[in-house]
Every structure is written in C-alpha cells, then in structure tokens.
Amino acid sequence: MRTRLVAVGVAAIAALLLSGCTGSTDKQQGPDTDATVNVGLVLEPTDLNIRRTSGAALDQVLIDNVYEGLVSRTPQGEIVDTIAKSHAISDDGLTYTFEINGGVTFHDGKTMTVDDIVWSLTQVKDDPELRDHELLSHVTEISAPDDHTVTLTLSEPDSNLLWNLSGRAGLVLEKAAKNDLATTANGTGPFTLDSWKQGDSITLKRNTEYWGDKAKVAEVVFVYISDTTAGVNAALAGDVDVLTAVDPNLRSQFDGTDFTVTEGKTTDKYTLAFNNTKAPLDDVRVRKALRLAVDHKAIIDAIGGAGVQMGGPIPPLDPGYEDLTSVRPFEPDTAKKLLAEAGQENLKLTLTVPNIYGTTVPNLLVSAYKKVGVTLTVDSVEFSTWLNDVYQNHDYDLSFVDHLEPRDFGNWANPDYYFGYDNKDVQKLYAESIAAVDPAAADQKLKEAARIVAEDHAADWLYNALTLTAVGKGISGFPTDSPNARLDLSSLAVTT
C-alpha cells in the first residue's frame, strides 16, 4: 500500500491533483516522494522479454517506465522526443536524423552511447525473430556520424516510421549487457524493475540516477487481478490505489467513496468480423444487412455506456479517422429487403467468440438478427481455440473480439488476414499513405481507404470502447487515455 493515503482503494486514470492551502497557518499540501502506489491490472505478461514476447501486457508496464526509445508517444498518439533531443526528416522522407541527449545511463550504471542505439535498432531490423522486425522494413542503414547523432536511411518514405520507433522497434538496450531479458530488465527509464512475483505482481522503483526528471513516487506495484469483481473489492478494501479496466456494470460501487472513476479514450475496436471469403458473406448485400439489423446504441447501453459508436475501421485516436456512422443506420426493415434480394431470407450463421467476452453482446446480436430472419448460433470458445480456428485457419462465419492495437488499419489492406478482405483500391491507398511524406496527405489517403472499407461493409465495428479507471484520493498524473496499451507513470504523484 502507499504510504498511507489509505482506504483509498482503487483508482482511475484521472488526475485529481489536490493542491492549495486553506490558510496561512495550515500546513501546505505537497507531493509525497516516498509514496508507493498499487495499481490493479488485468493481464500479466508470461515473461519479461521485451524483444521476443508478444502481448500488450509487457508494453503496458515496461515501455516508458523501464525501457525508452529515441521517441515515444503520448496517450493521445502524439510523437515526442525521448532519448533523442530532437529529430529531423529530409524533404524526400528518406533520411531521419536524431540528435541524442547526453548523460543517458542504463540501470546498471553504464553510460548509453550512440553505439548502443545503432546496435539496438539494427538487431530489430536484421532479426526476423524479434518483435516488430517488420516495422523497420524500409530502413536500409542505421549509423552514427558522431557521438551525438544517429541517422536512419530508408529505401522509400514511411509515414509510420516515427510511430514504429515509439514502440518496441525503437527501444534502446545496452549492447554489452548480459542480463536475462525474460526475468530482468536493464533500460534507461525513470523506474527500475525491482521484482516480479509471478501470478501476483511486478514492482518498479524510482531510478534515483535517472538522466531526466526523476519519478515523483518511490515505488509502483502492479497487482494482477483478472476478475473484475475481485478488482473492485480490492480497491474498496484499500489494497490497490488505482484500478484499471473497471467493469462498467460495477462502476456504481465507487459512488460515495474516495475514488474518482474517469472515462478515457482508447483504440479498442470491438469488431464483429465477417468472413469475407465465405458465401454468403462474400455478398455485400448480406454484410450490409447484418450491419443495418444492429442497434449499436442499444449495445453500448447494455455494456454500461462505456463506448462510443464507430462506423468504420479507424478510431478517433488514430490518423485517418472520420465519423462513418451514417454508413450503417439502424434500419432492420432495409436489412430484411437486402437479405431477400440476396436470396438469404432464412440465413443461418455461427458466431465464434472467445469466452472472455461474456454473453451480453452475443445475446443482443442473436436477438437483433432473429428480427430480420437470421438465425445466429453462438459458439463460445477458449481464446486458444479462437486463435487456432478463426485467427489462423479462418474457419468461421462471424467473430467478435476486441482489436485494441493502434494504427492497425493495415489489416484491411492484407487479404491474408483473418478478415479475408481483398480490395485493390484499399491496398493501393494504404500503400500510398505509408509512402506519403506529408502527414496530411497520408491522413487523407487513410480516410479514403477507410470509407471504402466501411461502405463495403467488410465488418461491423460495434463500438469503440471507453476505458474506466478508478483513481484514489490524492493521486494525479495517471494516464487517462489508452492505459491498456501504455502506462507512462513518470508524472504519477501522490499528494498528502
């Protein structure tokens, strides 16, 4: 527990900054630099190897806190310089030059050099076994012309390069280090990895030798609680000070407590996938009918209001966003007509859904489709089964999962992805967006491509999730947006 803001339990992504004086004789409130903050999370990583182990659970706790790259990103998706003091892009988009901050050190005390940067990025570029290797596919050379500069040379422009470098592909590790990445970490960030109690928690401690602004709290303990009810109970009992991923249907339990529950934006796209290669879902009339049959507002209401409608594949936090909800109005009568035109008045389909998503949304879909003459059978499976049957073997009719990854529109330009969507115009526009030197031009290409996908009814994006976080009294600086992807806790503070 934190030093003792007690019985404060769970906390949210909020920024409740307690400040001010009540009088000249009162003790002024200020940050408790010795504080420990317990943060409740859902997904625990299987190991800590940031180079090889997949899963957002690693990025969430280690990137920005323990590991850093040349650049990073804000929760709103803006690129910011980190180990790099500044960066410049040539007019042709083929050369990226980074000026490097001085005095950067690794957690083992060794000084970071440009050789470490060149080695780290080259490892990812050259080794297909490393995570995000493909994100540096346009990089042909990584060099250090002097002790304070790193240059990346590209074969063709890549409008996503800075974004890619803000993730795993751009992390800087120590070339000479021999530590086991599966169980330890040696980064340059404001926190050091203190311990990992598998099945329980990960503890970070303030890096007292950090090269930048020091962390405002002494310790952060990530407590893993997979059950949403148990998480709320832990918060209310004072066992955690911040609780992420609050179940919307349990939100009211924080009413009248010392916690503030905040709503944050995410890139989570709860997607009803259609198998575009399988009849009759290869008929756009059928796909459109399935979308028009659904009352999307009713779905959001049923999940406690923790979502916003989206009519296309790109959420508001990502480049290329446009409100496309008008593409799929709630028109069940029109849906019936479209199904009749397609000769599918008595259509029978199966929805394959991982059992972690519960029954609320599947049951609503069953009811909605029944009203337009479609019989929907729900097949609730283990996530491993979904990965094998749906994701890998594309053996399904409909599927429902959360696609939480930011900037993942490329899936719609990849006919081999499990959606099975193959549209040459979309593929061309996406390639042009990547090759665009001007960000505005790239954004416009993505908008055009996304509209085609939406009007082709390649899937139904049921909602873009809002994330609820319960934040305890006196806690500020906890990220509000996208906490399931990254938790930069460099500004986390406790006021007493």
Protein backbone atom coordinates (compact mmCIF):
# COMPACT_ATOMS: atom_id res chain seq x y z
CA MET A 1 0.00 0.00 0.00
CA ARG A 2 1.01 3.51 -0.50
CA THR A 3 2.30 5.47 2.49
CA ARG A 4 -0.83 5.98 3.57
CA LEU A 5 -3.38 7.65 1.70
CA VAL A 6 -5.34 4.82 2.89
CA ALA A 7 -8.53 3.27 2.39
CA VAL A 8 -8.38 4.98 -0.78
CA GLY A 9 -8.51 1.85 -2.81
CA VAL A 10 -8.71 1.65 -6.47
CA ALA A 11 -8.00 4.48 -8.62
CA ALA A 12 -8.61 5.62 -12.01
CA ILE A 13 -6.84 7.24 -14.72
CA ALA A 14 -7.60 10.54 -13.57
CA ALA A 15 -5.84 13.49 -12.48
CA LEU A 16 -7.10 14.52 -9.13
CA LEU A 17 -4.48 16.96 -8.14
CA LEU A 18 -5.05 18.07 -4.57
CA SER A 19 -3.47 21.42 -4.18
CA GLY A 20 -3.62 24.63 -2.32
CA CYS A 21 -3.56 25.97 1.19
CA THR A 22 -6.53 26.59 3.43
CA GLY A 23 -4.88 29.29 5.42
CA SER A 24 -1.59 30.89 6.25
CA THR A 25 -1.18 28.76 9.36
CA ASP A 26 -2.13 25.46 7.69
CA LYS A 27 0.50 23.02 6.54
CA GLN A 28 0.82 23.23 2.78
CA GLN A 29 -0.01 20.09 0.90
CA GLY A 30 2.68 18.67 -1.33
CA PRO A 31 3.83 15.54 -3.13
CA ASP A 32 4.77 12.51 -1.09
CA THR A 33 8.01 11.49 -2.77
CA ASP A 34 8.24 8.38 -0.59
CA ALA A 35 4.86 7.06 -1.72
CA THR A 36 4.14 3.60 -3.08
CA VAL A 37 1.20 3.33 -5.47
CA ASN A 38 -0.51 -0.02 -6.04
CA VAL A 39 -2.07 -0.29 -9.49
CA GLY A 40 -4.56 -3.02 -10.34
CA LEU A 41 -4.13 -4.51 -13.81
CA VAL A 42 -5.82 -7.43 -15.56
CA LEU A 43 -3.29 -9.09 -17.87
CA GLU A 44 0.05 -10.33 -16.56
CA PRO A 45 2.91 -10.96 -19.02
CA THR A 46 4.11 -14.52 -19.49
CA ASP A 47 7.72 -13.34 -19.26
CA LEU A 48 9.54 -10.01 -19.47
CA ASN A 49 11.43 -10.39 -22.75
CA ILE A 50 10.55 -7.14 -24.48
CA ARG A 51 12.40 -8.31 -27.60
CA ARG A 52 10.65 -11.62 -28.16
CA THR A 53 7.49 -11.99 -26.09
CA SER A 54 4.23 -10.80 -27.62
CA GLY A 55 1.34 -9.15 -25.84
CA ALA A 56 0.30 -5.68 -24.72
CA ALA A 57 0.84 -6.64 -21.06
CA LEU A 58 4.58 -6.08 -21.48
CA ASP A 59 4.31 -2.76 -23.31
CA GLN A 60 1.83 -1.56 -20.70
CA VAL A 61 4.26 -1.68 -17.78
CA LEU A 62 7.79 -1.66 -19.24
CA ILE A 63 7.82 0.83 -22.13
CA ASP A 64 8.35 4.45 -20.98
CA ASN A 65 8.83 3.31 -17.38
CA VAL A 66 11.77 0.90 -17.67
CA TYR A 67 12.70 0.98 -21.36
CA GLU A 68 12.91 4.05 -23.59
CA GLY A 69 13.49 4.71 -27.26
CA LEU A 70 14.59 7.60 -29.42
CA VAL A 71 10.99 8.79 -29.39
CA SER A 72 7.84 7.91 -27.51
CA ARG A 73 4.13 8.66 -27.83
CA THR A 74 1.58 10.36 -25.64
CA PRO A 75 -1.66 8.57 -24.67
CA GLN A 76 -3.29 10.66 -27.38
CA GLY A 77 -0.90 9.32 -30.01
CA GLU A 78 1.43 12.31 -30.41
CA ILE A 79 5.12 11.60 -31.04
CA VAL A 80 7.56 13.11 -28.52
CA ASP A 81 11.35 13.03 -28.37
CA THR A 82 12.78 10.95 -25.53
CA ILE A 83 16.37 9.70 -25.76
CA ALA A 84 16.52 11.88 -28.84
CA LYS A 85 16.76 15.59 -28.05
CA SER A 86 15.31 16.38 -31.46
CA HIS A 87 14.72 14.80 -34.84
CA ALA A 88 14.62 15.98 -38.44
CA ILE A 89 13.25 14.39 -41.61
CA SER A 90 14.70 15.15 -45.03
CA ASP A 91 12.43 16.67 -47.67
CA ASP A 92 12.33 13.40 -49.60
CA GLY A 93 11.42 11.43 -46.48
CA LEU A 94 14.40 9.11 -46.85
CA THR A 95 16.68 10.33 -44.06
CA TYR A 96 15.82 10.64 -40.36
CA THR A 97 18.39 12.40 -38.20
CA PHE A 98 18.22 12.20 -34.40
CA GLU A 99 20.22 14.43 -32.06
CA ILE A 100 20.85 12.41 -28.89
CA ASN A 101 20.59 13.63 -25.31
CA GLY A 102 23.78 13.49 -23.27
CA GLY A 103 24.15 11.85 -19.88
CA VAL A 104 21.75 8.97 -20.51
CA THR A 105 22.61 5.93 -18.39
CA PHE A 106 21.37 2.37 -18.14
CA HIS A 107 20.08 0.96 -14.87
CA ASP A 108 23.36 -0.91 -14.35
CA GLY A 109 25.15 2.45 -14.27
CA LYS A 110 26.76 2.26 -17.71
CA THR A 111 26.58 5.33 -19.95
CA MET A 112 24.47 4.92 -23.06
CA THR A 113 26.27 5.66 -26.33
CA VAL A 114 25.20 6.00 -29.93
CA ASP A 115 26.70 2.55 -30.47
CA ASP A 116 24.02 1.13 -28.17
CA ILE A 117 21.34 2.86 -30.23
CA VAL A 118 22.71 1.69 -33.57
CA TRP A 119 23.11 -1.86 -32.24
CA SER A 120 19.60 -1.96 -30.73
CA LEU A 121 17.83 -0.80 -33.87
CA THR A 122 20.00 -2.93 -36.15
CA GLN A 123 19.15 -6.03 -34.12
CA VAL A 124 15.44 -5.47 -34.75
CA LYS A 125 15.97 -4.61 -38.41
CA ASP A 126 18.07 -7.69 -39.15
CA ASP A 127 16.48 -10.38 -36.97
CA PRO A 128 13.02 -11.56 -38.11
CA GLU A 129 12.61 -13.38 -34.79
CA LEU A 130 12.44 -10.12 -32.84
CA ARG A 131 9.11 -8.41 -32.19
CA ASP A 132 8.20 -5.67 -34.69
CA HIS A 133 11.06 -6.58 -37.03
CA GLU A 134 8.78 -5.88 -40.00
CA LEU A 135 8.20 -2.31 -38.85
CA LEU A 136 11.72 -1.37 -39.90
CA SER A 137 11.45 -2.98 -43.33
CA HIS A 138 12.03 0.32 -45.15
CA VAL A 139 15.19 1.10 -43.17
CA THR A 140 18.35 0.26 -45.12
CA GLU A 141 21.05 1.77 -42.91
CA ILE A 142 21.42 2.84 -39.28
CA SER A 143 24.54 4.83 -38.50
CA ALA A 144 26.12 7.27 -36.04
CA PRO A 145 28.07 10.01 -37.85
CA ASP A 146 29.24 11.37 -34.48
CA ASP A 147 28.84 10.75 -30.74
CA HIS A 148 25.60 12.72 -30.53
CA THR A 149 23.80 11.82 -33.76
CA VAL A 150 22.04 8.77 -35.16
CA THR A 151 20.82 8.59 -38.76
CA LEU A 152 18.34 6.22 -40.36
CA THR A 153 18.31 5.87 -44.14
CA LEU A 154 15.22 4.49 -45.89
CA SER A 155 14.67 2.81 -49.25
CA GLU A 156 11.33 4.61 -49.58
CA PRO A 157 9.33 7.02 -47.43
CA ASP A 158 7.49 5.55 -44.47
CA SER A 159 4.97 7.86 -42.79
CA ASN A 160 4.68 5.39 -39.90
CA LEU A 161 8.38 5.24 -39.04
CA LEU A 162 8.36 7.58 -36.04
CA TRP A 163 5.31 5.79 -34.69
CA ASN A 164 7.04 2.45 -35.17
CA LEU A 165 10.13 3.75 -33.37
CA SER A 166 7.95 4.80 -30.43
CA GLY A 167 7.23 1.14 -29.75
CA ARG A 168 9.35 -1.96 -29.34
CA ALA A 169 11.20 -1.49 -32.61
CA GLY A 170 12.84 1.67 -31.29
CA LEU A 171 13.78 0.66 -27.75
CA VAL A 172 17.41 1.16 -26.75
CA LEU A 173 19.14 -1.68 -24.88
CA GLU A 174 22.74 -1.94 -23.73
CA LYS A 175 24.94 -3.71 -26.25
CA ALA A 176 27.30 -5.15 -23.63
CA ALA A 177 24.65 -6.26 -21.13
CA LYS A 178 24.34 -9.98 -20.39
CA ASN A 179 21.16 -9.98 -18.30
CA ASP A 180 18.34 -12.46 -18.98
CA LEU A 181 15.59 -10.39 -20.60
CA ALA A 182 12.96 -12.97 -19.67
CA THR A 183 13.28 -12.22 -15.96
CA THR A 184 15.22 -8.94 -15.66
CA ALA A 185 15.39 -5.55 -17.35
CA ASN A 186 18.17 -3.02 -17.90
CA GLY A 187 16.73 0.06 -19.51
CA THR A 188 17.22 3.81 -19.28
CA GLY A 189 13.78 4.78 -17.91
CA PRO A 190 12.66 6.63 -14.77
CA PHE A 191 11.88 3.34 -12.98
CA THR A 192 13.93 0.20 -12.44
CA LEU A 193 12.48 -3.29 -12.33
CA ASP A 194 12.69 -4.35 -8.69
CA SER A 195 10.85 -7.68 -8.66
CA TRP A 196 8.34 -9.89 -10.41
CA LYS A 197 6.25 -12.24 -8.31
CA GLN A 198 4.69 -14.41 -10.99
CA GLY A 199 0.96 -14.73 -10.61
CA ASP A 200 0.86 -11.75 -8.30
CA SER A 201 2.71 -8.51 -9.05
CA ILE A 202 5.52 -6.54 -10.68
CA THR A 203 7.29 -3.86 -8.65
CA LEU A 204 9.09 -0.84 -10.10
CA LYS A 205 11.27 1.52 -8.07
CA ARG A 206 12.31 5.08 -8.78
CA ASN A 207 15.55 5.27 -10.74
CA THR A 208 17.47 7.65 -8.49
CA GLU A 209 20.13 8.09 -11.18
CA TYR A 210 17.68 8.85 -13.98
CA TRP A 211 19.07 11.19 -16.60
CA GLY A 212 15.83 13.18 -16.92
CA ASP A 213 13.20 14.37 -14.47
CA LYS A 214 13.00 11.94 -11.57
CA ALA A 215 9.84 9.93 -10.90
CA LYS A 216 7.56 11.57 -8.34
CA VAL A 217 6.81 8.39 -6.38
CA ALA A 218 9.24 5.94 -4.82
CA GLU A 219 7.57 2.75 -5.95
CA VAL A 220 4.81 1.40 -8.18
CA VAL A 221 3.40 -2.08 -7.66
CA PHE A 222 1.35 -3.57 -10.49
CA VAL A 223 -1.06 -6.02 -8.88
CA TYR A 224 -2.62 -8.53 -11.28
CA ILE A 225 -6.32 -9.21 -10.70
CA SER A 226 -8.03 -10.91 -13.62
CA ASP A 227 -11.53 -10.99 -12.10
CA THR A 228 -13.29 -7.64 -12.41
CA THR A 229 -15.35 -8.06 -9.24
CA ALA A 230 -12.27 -9.04 -7.27
CA GLY A 231 -10.54 -5.93 -8.59
CA VAL A 232 -13.29 -3.66 -7.32
CA ASN A 233 -13.27 -5.42 -3.96
CA ALA A 234 -9.51 -4.97 -3.70
CA ALA A 235 -9.88 -1.28 -4.41
CA LEU A 236 -12.62 -0.76 -1.88
CA ALA A 237 -10.59 -2.67 0.70
CA GLY A 238 -7.64 -0.34 0.16
CA ASP A 239 -5.41 -2.99 -1.39
CA VAL A 240 -4.95 -1.08 -4.64
CA ASP A 241 -4.86 2.67 -5.17
CA VAL A 242 -5.62 2.70 -8.87
CA LEU A 243 -7.78 0.15 -10.68
CA THR A 244 -7.70 -0.03 -14.45
CA ALA A 245 -10.29 -1.68 -16.71
CA VAL A 246 -13.19 -1.14 -14.32
CA ASP A 247 -16.23 -3.14 -15.43
CA PRO A 248 -18.84 -0.53 -16.47
CA ASN A 249 -21.55 -2.53 -14.75
CA LEU A 250 -19.61 -2.26 -11.46
CA ARG A 251 -18.92 1.44 -11.75
CA SER A 252 -21.64 2.43 -9.29
CA GLN A 253 -19.82 0.62 -6.49
CA PHE A 254 -17.43 3.56 -6.35
CA ASP A 255 -20.24 6.06 -5.73
CA GLY A 256 -19.75 7.83 -2.43
CA THR A 257 -16.19 6.57 -2.00
CA ASP A 258 -12.83 8.32 -2.15
CA PHE A 259 -12.35 7.19 -5.74
CA THR A 260 -12.99 9.06 -8.93
CA VAL A 261 -13.89 6.96 -11.96
CA THR A 262 -12.75 8.50 -15.21
CA GLU A 263 -13.51 7.69 -18.83
CA GLY A 264 -10.58 7.54 -21.21
CA LYS A 265 -10.32 7.18 -24.95
CA THR A 266 -8.85 4.03 -26.45
CA THR A 267 -8.15 2.46 -29.81
CA ASP A 268 -10.12 -0.64 -28.75
CA LYS A 269 -12.40 -1.59 -31.63
CA TYR A 270 -14.94 -4.22 -30.63
CA THR A 271 -15.29 -5.78 -34.04
CA LEU A 272 -17.89 -8.13 -35.46
CA ALA A 273 -15.80 -9.73 -38.17
CA PHE A 274 -17.36 -11.19 -41.30
CA ASN A 275 -15.56 -13.95 -43.18
CA ASN A 276 -15.42 -12.06 -46.47
CA THR A 277 -14.24 -15.12 -48.39
CA LYS A 278 -17.13 -17.36 -47.38
CA ALA A 279 -20.56 -17.40 -49.00
CA PRO A 280 -22.94 -15.76 -48.44
CA LEU A 281 -20.77 -13.25 -46.56
CA ASP A 282 -18.93 -12.57 -49.80
CA ASP A 283 -22.12 -10.75 -50.90
CA VAL A 284 -22.05 -7.09 -49.86
CA ARG A 285 -25.86 -7.09 -49.55
CA VAL A 286 -25.67 -9.71 -46.82
CA ARG A 287 -22.90 -7.89 -44.98
CA LYS A 288 -24.79 -4.61 -45.17
CA ALA A 289 -27.97 -6.27 -43.93
CA LEU A 290 -26.14 -7.66 -40.91
CA ARG A 291 -24.96 -4.16 -40.04
CA LEU A 292 -28.32 -2.44 -40.54
CA ALA A 293 -30.01 -5.02 -38.30
CA VAL A 294 -27.98 -3.98 -35.25
CA ASP A 295 -28.95 -1.21 -32.84
CA HIS A 296 -25.47 -0.04 -31.91
CA LYS A 297 -26.71 2.40 -29.28
CA ALA A 298 -28.50 -0.43 -27.50
CA ILE A 299 -25.26 -2.41 -27.39
CA ILE A 300 -23.40 0.49 -25.79
CA ASP A 301 -26.20 0.97 -23.28
CA ALA A 302 -26.03 -2.73 -22.41
CA ILE A 303 -22.32 -2.54 -21.59
CA GLY A 304 -22.88 0.32 -19.19
CA GLY A 305 -22.34 3.15 -21.65
CA ALA A 306 -18.58 2.64 -21.80
CA GLY A 307 -18.26 3.04 -25.54
CA VAL A 308 -18.88 5.32 -28.49
CA GLN A 309 -20.29 4.40 -31.86
CA MET A 310 -17.96 3.95 -34.80
CA GLY A 311 -18.95 3.27 -38.37
CA GLY A 312 -15.58 2.37 -39.82
CA PRO A 313 -12.25 0.71 -39.06
CA ILE A 314 -10.33 3.72 -37.69
CA PRO A 315 -10.99 5.09 -34.17
CA PRO A 316 -10.74 8.79 -33.23
CA LEU A 317 -7.23 8.49 -31.72
CA ASP A 318 -5.73 7.20 -34.99
CA PRO A 319 -4.77 9.05 -38.19
CA GLY A 320 -7.38 8.78 -40.91
CA TYR A 321 -10.38 8.93 -38.58
CA GLU A 322 -13.69 10.09 -39.99
CA ASP A 323 -17.15 9.68 -38.49
CA LEU A 324 -18.68 6.98 -40.70
CA THR A 325 -21.65 6.04 -38.53
CA SER A 326 -24.05 7.31 -41.20
CA VAL A 327 -22.92 4.41 -43.40
CA ARG A 328 -24.84 1.95 -41.23
CA PRO A 329 -28.06 3.40 -39.78
CA PHE A 330 -30.30 1.14 -37.71
CA GLU A 331 -32.78 0.00 -40.37
CA PRO A 332 -33.98 -3.57 -39.77
CA ASP A 333 -36.65 -3.29 -42.49
CA THR A 334 -33.98 -2.42 -45.05
CA ALA A 335 -31.92 -5.33 -43.74
CA LYS A 336 -34.80 -7.72 -44.46
CA LYS A 337 -35.11 -6.39 -48.02
CA LEU A 338 -31.40 -6.79 -48.67
CA LEU A 339 -31.45 -10.37 -47.41
CA ALA A 340 -34.43 -11.12 -49.66
CA GLU A 341 -32.62 -9.63 -52.66
CA ALA A 342 -29.64 -11.85 -51.90
CA GLY A 343 -31.87 -14.92 -51.55
CA GLN A 344 -30.97 -15.30 -47.87
CA GLU A 345 -34.35 -14.97 -46.11
CA ASN A 346 -33.57 -17.94 -43.82
CA LEU A 347 -29.89 -17.38 -43.26
CA LYS A 348 -28.15 -19.42 -40.56
CA LEU A 349 -24.79 -18.27 -39.21
CA THR A 350 -22.44 -19.11 -36.35
CA LEU A 351 -20.74 -16.51 -34.18
CA THR A 352 -17.41 -17.72 -32.78
CA VAL A 353 -16.41 -15.68 -29.74
CA PRO A 354 -13.75 -16.16 -27.06
CA ASN A 355 -15.44 -16.84 -23.74
CA ILE A 356 -13.61 -13.95 -22.07
CA TYR A 357 -16.08 -11.57 -23.74
CA GLY A 358 -19.12 -12.82 -21.88
CA THR A 359 -22.65 -13.17 -23.23
CA THR A 360 -24.11 -9.66 -23.29
CA VAL A 361 -23.11 -8.64 -26.82
CA PRO A 362 -23.58 -12.10 -28.39
CA ASN A 363 -27.10 -12.33 -26.93
CA LEU A 364 -28.00 -8.91 -28.31
CA LEU A 365 -26.78 -9.97 -31.74
CA VAL A 366 -28.84 -13.17 -31.59
CA SER A 367 -31.95 -11.11 -30.80
CA ALA A 368 -31.27 -8.45 -33.44
CA TYR A 369 -30.66 -10.98 -36.19
CA LYS A 370 -33.71 -13.03 -35.27
CA LYS A 371 -35.87 -9.98 -36.01
CA VAL A 372 -34.63 -9.88 -39.60
CA GLY A 373 -34.86 -13.63 -40.17
CA VAL A 374 -31.27 -14.63 -39.43
CA THR A 375 -30.62 -17.50 -37.04
CA LEU A 376 -27.39 -16.91 -35.14
CA THR A 377 -25.75 -19.67 -33.13
CA VAL A 378 -23.13 -18.60 -30.59
CA ASP A 379 -20.04 -20.77 -30.20
CA SER A 380 -18.20 -19.59 -27.07
CA VAL A 381 -14.67 -20.98 -27.07
CA GLU A 382 -11.37 -20.74 -25.23
CA PHE A 383 -9.17 -17.97 -26.56
CA SER A 384 -6.59 -20.52 -27.70
CA THR A 385 -9.29 -22.23 -29.77
CA TRP A 386 -10.29 -18.91 -31.31
CA LEU A 387 -6.67 -18.24 -32.23
CA ASN A 388 -6.38 -21.61 -33.95
CA ASP A 389 -9.76 -21.81 -35.67
CA VAL A 390 -10.52 -18.20 -36.51
CA TYR A 391 -7.30 -16.23 -36.49
CA GLN A 392 -5.01 -18.83 -38.02
CA ASN A 393 -7.28 -21.12 -40.06
CA HIS A 394 -10.03 -18.62 -40.96
CA ASP A 395 -12.67 -21.24 -40.18
CA TYR A 396 -15.67 -19.15 -39.12
CA ASP A 397 -18.74 -17.19 -40.23
CA LEU A 398 -18.80 -14.30 -37.77
CA SER A 399 -16.40 -13.49 -34.95
CA PHE A 400 -16.43 -10.96 -32.13
CA VAL A 401 -13.22 -9.73 -30.46
CA ASP A 402 -11.58 -6.51 -29.33
CA HIS A 403 -8.92 -5.23 -31.72
CA LEU A 404 -7.11 -2.88 -29.36
CA GLU A 405 -3.96 -2.18 -31.37
CA PRO A 406 -3.45 1.43 -32.51
CA ARG A 407 -2.88 2.18 -36.18
CA ASP A 408 -3.78 -1.30 -37.34
CA PHE A 409 -5.66 -0.32 -40.50
CA GLY A 410 -3.10 -2.31 -42.49
CA ASN A 411 -5.10 -5.44 -41.63
CA TRP A 412 -7.75 -4.26 -44.09
CA ALA A 413 -5.11 -3.97 -46.80
CA ASN A 414 -3.93 -7.52 -46.16
CA PRO A 415 -6.11 -10.17 -47.87
CA ASP A 416 -4.31 -12.90 -45.91
CA TYR A 417 -5.51 -11.52 -42.57
CA TYR A 418 -8.37 -13.46 -41.00
CA PHE A 419 -10.95 -10.92 -42.23
CA GLY A 420 -10.29 -12.19 -45.76
CA TYR A 421 -10.98 -8.73 -47.17
CA ASP A 422 -9.38 -8.19 -50.58
CA ASN A 423 -9.84 -4.78 -52.20
CA LYS A 424 -7.19 -3.49 -54.59
CA ASP A 425 -8.24 0.15 -54.17
CA VAL A 426 -7.85 -0.10 -50.41
CA GLN A 427 -4.46 -1.76 -50.78
CA LYS A 428 -3.30 0.98 -53.17
CA LEU A 429 -4.49 3.81 -50.94
CA TYR A 430 -2.90 2.25 -47.87
CA ALA A 431 0.43 1.86 -49.66
CA GLU A 432 0.22 5.49 -50.78
CA SER A 433 -0.50 6.60 -47.21
CA ILE A 434 2.63 4.84 -45.98
CA ALA A 435 4.74 6.34 -48.76
CA ALA A 436 3.42 9.88 -48.24
CA VAL A 437 5.96 12.39 -46.97
CA ASP A 438 3.29 14.88 -45.92
CA PRO A 439 1.31 13.70 -42.84
CA ALA A 440 -1.82 15.46 -44.10
CA ALA A 441 -1.59 13.57 -47.39
CA ALA A 442 -1.12 10.28 -45.54
CA ASP A 443 -4.15 11.07 -43.38
CA GLN A 444 -6.30 11.78 -46.43
CA LYS A 445 -5.32 8.51 -48.11
CA LEU A 446 -6.27 6.61 -44.96
CA LYS A 447 -9.63 8.38 -44.82
CA GLU A 448 -10.38 7.41 -48.40
CA ALA A 449 -9.39 3.81 -47.78
CA ALA A 450 -11.38 3.59 -44.54
CA ARG A 451 -14.52 4.91 -46.24
CA ILE A 452 -14.25 2.22 -48.92
CA VAL A 453 -13.94 -0.48 -46.25
CA ALA A 454 -16.92 0.93 -44.33
CA GLU A 455 -19.13 1.29 -47.41
CA ASP A 456 -18.15 -2.22 -48.45
CA HIS A 457 -19.39 -3.37 -45.01
CA ALA A 458 -16.30 -5.53 -44.57
CA ALA A 459 -17.16 -5.88 -40.86
CA ASP A 460 -19.32 -4.24 -38.24
CA TRP A 461 -17.47 -2.14 -35.70
CA LEU A 462 -19.88 -2.42 -32.80
CA TYR A 463 -18.23 0.22 -30.63
CA ASN A 464 -15.01 1.98 -29.72
CA ALA A 465 -14.51 1.30 -26.04
CA LEU A 466 -14.04 3.88 -23.35
CA THR A 467 -11.82 2.72 -20.55
CA LEU A 468 -12.82 3.26 -16.95
CA THR A 469 -10.20 3.78 -14.30
CA ALA A 470 -10.80 4.29 -10.59
CA VAL A 471 -8.26 6.68 -9.11
CA GLY A 472 -7.79 7.12 -5.39
CA LYS A 473 -7.87 10.38 -3.49
CA GLY A 474 -4.68 12.40 -3.77
CA ILE A 475 -3.35 10.64 -6.87
CA SER A 476 -2.55 12.60 -10.01
CA GLY A 477 -0.72 12.00 -13.26
CA PHE A 478 -2.15 8.58 -14.04
CA PRO A 479 -2.78 8.31 -17.81
CA THR A 480 -6.43 8.74 -18.77
CA ASP A 481 -6.33 7.58 -22.38
CA SER A 482 -5.13 4.22 -23.72
CA PRO A 483 -3.98 2.77 -20.37
CA ASN A 484 -4.38 -0.76 -21.68
CA ALA A 485 -1.63 -0.09 -24.23
CA ARG A 486 0.91 2.02 -22.35
CA LEU A 487 1.17 3.35 -18.79
CA ASP A 488 3.75 6.13 -18.67
CA LEU A 489 3.96 6.77 -14.92
CA SER A 490 6.70 9.40 -14.98
CA SER A 491 4.17 12.03 -13.87
CA LEU A 492 2.38 9.86 -11.30
CA ALA A 493 2.23 11.67 -7.96
CA VAL A 494 0.63 11.38 -4.54
CA THR A 495 -0.39 14.47 -2.61
CA THR A 496 -0.76 14.27 1.14
